[in-house]
Structures are given as structure tokens and as C-alpha cells.
Amino acid sequence: MNDELTPEEAWKLPVHRSLTQPNYWMGVPRGILLLEFLGLILGGIIFKTFIVIPVVIGIHFLFRYFGQKDPMFLDVFLRSLQRGNYYSN
């Protein structure tokens, strides 16, 4: 019995979902959620500005909506920022 796979069989192996999809916590990308918590801590406790709470909650639901429409929206957005303006004058 040979347990090694042929090259044709190796291409048919399933790929785990965590390797192809971004890691989401509470409906938003993990990095965005950590930045939201940091913003809440800085705005609410250190700067004593509690208007930041509804702003961060609004941003959270906006990113959650975008994440439900396209799981890779953050990567696409960051890539578009690196490209610059294609049709500049």
C-alpha cells in the first residue's frame, strides 16, 4: 500500500476555509474590531469624549454591512489606495 498521492489527486484535496477567507470577529475584520476598541478606549476614557461611542458603533455597522456583501472588501479598498488615481490629469 502506497499512501502517497499522485499529482492529480493532490489537486483535488479540499482547502480549509480559514486559508481562503478573512478572519471576522463580530461581523467585521479582526483588525478593524481591534481599532474600534482602541478608539473607544482612547475617546471615552482618555479624552473624555463620549461622542466617539455612536461614531464607532456606526462605523462598526457600516463595515459589517460591507463585509456581508463582499468578504474581501477591506483588501480591495487597501489595494485601491495603493494604486492611486488611474485617470489623473
N, C-alpha and C. Protein backbone atom coordinates (compact mmCIF):
# COMPACT_ATOMS: atom_id res chain seq x y z
N MET A 1 0.84 -1.19 0.00
CA MET A 1 0.00 0.00 0.00
C MET A 1 0.88 1.24 0.00
N ASN A 2 0.69 2.08 -0.98
CA ASN A 2 1.41 3.33 -1.08
C ASN A 2 0.47 4.45 -0.65
N ASP A 3 0.84 5.19 0.44
CA ASP A 3 -0.01 6.25 0.96
C ASP A 3 0.24 7.61 0.31
N GLU A 4 1.19 7.70 -0.59
CA GLU A 4 1.46 8.99 -1.23
C GLU A 4 0.43 9.25 -2.32
N LEU A 5 0.13 10.54 -2.50
CA LEU A 5 -0.86 10.95 -3.50
C LEU A 5 -0.18 11.23 -4.83
N THR A 6 -0.88 10.93 -5.89
CA THR A 6 -0.39 11.32 -7.20
C THR A 6 -0.65 12.81 -7.37
N PRO A 7 0.03 13.46 -8.30
CA PRO A 7 -0.21 14.90 -8.50
C PRO A 7 -1.66 15.22 -8.87
N GLU A 8 -2.32 14.34 -9.58
CA GLU A 8 -3.71 14.58 -9.95
C GLU A 8 -4.62 14.54 -8.72
N GLU A 9 -4.33 13.64 -7.81
CA GLU A 9 -5.14 13.54 -6.59
C GLU A 9 -4.87 14.70 -5.64
N ALA A 10 -3.65 15.20 -5.63
CA ALA A 10 -3.30 16.29 -4.72
C ALA A 10 -4.04 17.57 -5.07
N TRP A 11 -4.33 17.79 -6.36
CA TRP A 11 -5.06 19.00 -6.77
C TRP A 11 -6.51 18.95 -6.33
N LYS A 12 -7.01 17.79 -6.00
CA LYS A 12 -8.41 17.64 -5.63
C LYS A 12 -8.64 17.71 -4.12
N LEU A 13 -7.58 17.89 -3.33
CA LEU A 13 -7.74 17.96 -1.89
C LEU A 13 -8.45 19.25 -1.50
N PRO A 14 -9.35 19.20 -0.53
CA PRO A 14 -10.05 20.42 -0.12
C PRO A 14 -9.12 21.37 0.64
N VAL A 15 -9.35 22.65 0.46
CA VAL A 15 -8.58 23.68 1.15
C VAL A 15 -9.44 24.19 2.29
N HIS A 16 -8.85 24.32 3.46
CA HIS A 16 -9.61 24.78 4.62
C HIS A 16 -10.08 26.22 4.42
N ARG A 17 -11.27 26.52 4.90
CA ARG A 17 -11.88 27.83 4.70
C ARG A 17 -11.04 28.96 5.30
N SER A 18 -10.34 28.70 6.39
CA SER A 18 -9.55 29.75 7.03
C SER A 18 -8.37 30.20 6.18
N LEU A 19 -7.98 29.42 5.18
CA LEU A 19 -6.89 29.80 4.31
C LEU A 19 -7.35 30.68 3.15
N THR A 20 -8.64 30.71 2.88
CA THR A 20 -9.14 31.45 1.73
C THR A 20 -10.05 32.61 2.09
N GLN A 21 -10.54 32.68 3.32
CA GLN A 21 -11.44 33.76 3.73
C GLN A 21 -10.85 34.51 4.90
N PRO A 22 -11.14 35.83 5.00
CA PRO A 22 -10.58 36.61 6.11
C PRO A 22 -11.21 36.22 7.44
N ASN A 23 -10.47 36.47 8.52
CA ASN A 23 -10.92 36.15 9.86
C ASN A 23 -11.80 37.29 10.38
N TYR A 24 -13.07 37.01 10.62
CA TYR A 24 -14.01 38.03 11.06
C TYR A 24 -14.39 37.80 12.52
N TRP A 25 -14.42 38.90 13.30
CA TRP A 25 -14.91 38.87 14.68
C TRP A 25 -16.09 39.83 14.75
N MET A 26 -17.21 39.37 15.24
CA MET A 26 -18.43 40.18 15.37
C MET A 26 -18.85 40.80 14.04
N GLY A 27 -18.58 40.14 12.95
CA GLY A 27 -19.03 40.58 11.64
C GLY A 27 -18.09 41.52 10.92
N VAL A 28 -16.98 41.91 11.51
CA VAL A 28 -16.02 42.81 10.86
C VAL A 28 -14.63 42.16 10.89
N PRO A 29 -13.73 42.60 10.01
CA PRO A 29 -12.37 42.05 10.07
C PRO A 29 -11.74 42.27 11.45
N ARG A 30 -10.90 41.35 11.83
CA ARG A 30 -10.31 41.36 13.17
C ARG A 30 -9.56 42.65 13.46
N GLY A 31 -8.79 43.15 12.51
CA GLY A 31 -8.03 44.38 12.72
C GLY A 31 -8.92 45.59 12.92
N ILE A 32 -10.03 45.64 12.18
CA ILE A 32 -10.96 46.76 12.32
C ILE A 32 -11.61 46.73 13.70
N LEU A 33 -11.97 45.55 14.18
CA LEU A 33 -12.59 45.45 15.50
C LEU A 33 -11.62 45.90 16.60
N LEU A 34 -10.37 45.51 16.48
CA LEU A 34 -9.38 45.94 17.47
C LEU A 34 -9.17 47.45 17.42
N LEU A 35 -9.18 48.05 16.21
CA LEU A 35 -9.09 49.50 16.11
C LEU A 35 -10.32 50.19 16.69
N GLU A 36 -11.49 49.58 16.54
CA GLU A 36 -12.70 50.15 17.13
C GLU A 36 -12.60 50.17 18.66
N PHE A 37 -12.14 49.07 19.24
CA PHE A 37 -11.98 49.04 20.69
C PHE A 37 -10.94 50.05 21.16
N LEU A 38 -9.86 50.18 20.42
CA LEU A 38 -8.84 51.17 20.77
C LEU A 38 -9.41 52.58 20.69
N GLY A 39 -10.19 52.85 19.65
CA GLY A 39 -10.83 54.17 19.53
C GLY A 39 -11.81 54.44 20.66
N LEU A 40 -12.56 53.43 21.06
CA LEU A 40 -13.48 53.60 22.19
C LEU A 40 -12.72 53.89 23.47
N ILE A 41 -11.64 53.18 23.70
CA ILE A 41 -10.86 53.40 24.93
C ILE A 41 -10.23 54.79 24.91
N LEU A 42 -9.61 55.16 23.79
CA LEU A 42 -8.97 56.47 23.72
C LEU A 42 -9.99 57.60 23.82
N GLY A 43 -11.09 57.47 23.09
CA GLY A 43 -12.08 58.54 23.08
C GLY A 43 -12.89 58.63 24.36
N GLY A 44 -13.27 57.50 24.91
CA GLY A 44 -14.14 57.52 26.07
C GLY A 44 -13.45 57.72 27.39
N ILE A 45 -12.30 57.13 27.56
CA ILE A 45 -11.64 57.18 28.87
C ILE A 45 -10.56 58.25 28.91
N ILE A 46 -9.69 58.26 27.93
CA ILE A 46 -8.54 59.17 28.00
C ILE A 46 -8.94 60.60 27.64
N PHE A 47 -9.66 60.78 26.53
CA PHE A 47 -10.01 62.13 26.09
C PHE A 47 -11.34 62.63 26.65
N LYS A 48 -12.07 61.78 27.36
CA LYS A 48 -13.35 62.12 27.98
C LYS A 48 -14.36 62.65 26.96
N THR A 49 -14.34 62.10 25.77
CA THR A 49 -15.28 62.46 24.71
C THR A 49 -16.14 61.25 24.43
N PHE A 50 -17.41 61.34 24.81
CA PHE A 50 -18.28 60.19 24.64
C PHE A 50 -19.08 60.23 23.35
N ILE A 51 -18.86 61.24 22.52
CA ILE A 51 -19.50 61.28 21.19
C ILE A 51 -18.87 60.22 20.29
N VAL A 52 -17.68 59.74 20.66
CA VAL A 52 -16.99 58.74 19.85
C VAL A 52 -17.74 57.40 19.88
N ILE A 53 -18.51 57.14 20.90
CA ILE A 53 -19.22 55.86 21.02
C ILE A 53 -20.22 55.67 19.87
N PRO A 54 -21.15 56.64 19.60
CA PRO A 54 -22.04 56.42 18.45
C PRO A 54 -21.32 56.41 17.11
N VAL A 55 -20.22 57.16 17.01
CA VAL A 55 -19.46 57.17 15.75
C VAL A 55 -18.85 55.80 15.49
N VAL A 56 -18.24 55.21 16.52
CA VAL A 56 -17.61 53.89 16.36
C VAL A 56 -18.66 52.82 16.10
N ILE A 57 -19.80 52.93 16.76
CA ILE A 57 -20.88 51.96 16.51
C ILE A 57 -21.38 52.07 15.08
N GLY A 58 -21.51 53.30 14.57
CA GLY A 58 -21.91 53.49 13.17
C GLY A 58 -20.90 52.92 12.20
N ILE A 59 -19.62 53.15 12.48
CA ILE A 59 -18.56 52.60 11.63
C ILE A 59 -18.57 51.08 11.67
N HIS A 60 -18.82 50.53 12.86
CA HIS A 60 -18.88 49.07 13.00
C HIS A 60 -19.98 48.48 12.12
N PHE A 61 -21.18 49.07 12.16
CA PHE A 61 -22.27 48.53 11.36
C PHE A 61 -22.04 48.76 9.87
N LEU A 62 -21.36 49.84 9.51
CA LEU A 62 -21.03 50.08 8.11
C LEU A 62 -20.07 49.01 7.60
N PHE A 63 -19.01 48.73 8.36
CA PHE A 63 -18.06 47.69 7.96
C PHE A 63 -18.71 46.31 7.99
N ARG A 64 -19.62 46.11 8.91
CA ARG A 64 -20.32 44.82 8.97
C ARG A 64 -21.17 44.62 7.71
N TYR A 65 -21.85 45.70 7.27
CA TYR A 65 -22.65 45.63 6.05
C TYR A 65 -21.76 45.33 4.84
N PHE A 66 -20.63 46.05 4.73
CA PHE A 66 -19.71 45.81 3.62
C PHE A 66 -19.15 44.39 3.66
N GLY A 67 -18.87 43.87 4.85
CA GLY A 67 -18.33 42.53 4.98
C GLY A 67 -19.32 41.45 4.59
N GLN A 68 -20.61 41.72 4.78
CA GLN A 68 -21.62 40.75 4.36
C GLN A 68 -21.78 40.76 2.84
N LYS A 69 -21.59 41.92 2.22
CA LYS A 69 -21.70 42.00 0.76
C LYS A 69 -20.49 41.38 0.06
N ASP A 70 -19.30 41.67 0.58
CA ASP A 70 -18.06 41.17 -0.02
C ASP A 70 -17.05 40.91 1.09
N PRO A 71 -16.72 39.66 1.38
CA PRO A 71 -15.79 39.37 2.47
C PRO A 71 -14.39 39.94 2.27
N MET A 72 -14.01 40.24 1.06
CA MET A 72 -12.68 40.76 0.78
C MET A 72 -12.68 42.27 0.57
N PHE A 73 -13.69 43.00 1.07
CA PHE A 73 -13.82 44.42 0.79
C PHE A 73 -12.64 45.22 1.33
N LEU A 74 -12.11 44.84 2.48
CA LEU A 74 -11.02 45.61 3.06
C LEU A 74 -9.75 45.47 2.23
N ASP A 75 -9.46 44.27 1.75
CA ASP A 75 -8.29 44.08 0.89
C ASP A 75 -8.42 44.87 -0.41
N VAL A 76 -9.62 44.88 -0.99
CA VAL A 76 -9.84 45.62 -2.23
C VAL A 76 -9.67 47.12 -1.98
N PHE A 77 -10.20 47.61 -0.87
CA PHE A 77 -10.09 49.03 -0.54
C PHE A 77 -8.63 49.43 -0.32
N LEU A 78 -7.90 48.66 0.45
CA LEU A 78 -6.50 48.98 0.71
C LEU A 78 -5.66 48.90 -0.56
N ARG A 79 -5.96 47.94 -1.43
CA ARG A 79 -5.25 47.85 -2.70
C ARG A 79 -5.54 49.04 -3.60
N SER A 80 -6.79 49.54 -3.55
CA SER A 80 -7.13 50.70 -4.37
C SER A 80 -6.43 51.96 -3.86
N LEU A 81 -6.18 52.06 -2.56
CA LEU A 81 -5.44 53.20 -2.03
C LEU A 81 -3.99 53.18 -2.48
N GLN A 82 -3.42 52.02 -2.62
CA GLN A 82 -2.03 51.91 -3.06
C GLN A 82 -1.87 52.25 -4.54
N ARG A 83 -2.90 51.98 -5.33
CA ARG A 83 -2.82 52.22 -6.77
C ARG A 83 -2.79 53.69 -7.11
N GLY A 84 -3.51 54.50 -6.36
CA GLY A 84 -3.60 55.92 -6.69
C GLY A 84 -4.67 56.15 -7.74
N ASN A 85 -4.65 57.35 -8.29
CA ASN A 85 -5.65 57.73 -9.29
C ASN A 85 -5.18 57.30 -10.67
N TYR A 86 -5.90 56.38 -11.27
CA TYR A 86 -5.52 55.85 -12.58
C TYR A 86 -5.77 56.88 -13.68
N TYR A 87 -6.86 57.61 -13.55
CA TYR A 87 -7.25 58.56 -14.59
C TYR A 87 -6.87 59.99 -14.22
N SER A 88 -5.72 60.19 -13.62
CA SER A 88 -5.31 61.54 -13.24
C SER A 88 -4.98 62.35 -14.48
N ASN A 89 -5.14 63.66 -14.36
CA ASN A 89 -4.87 64.58 -15.49
C ASN A 89 -3.42 64.92 -15.57
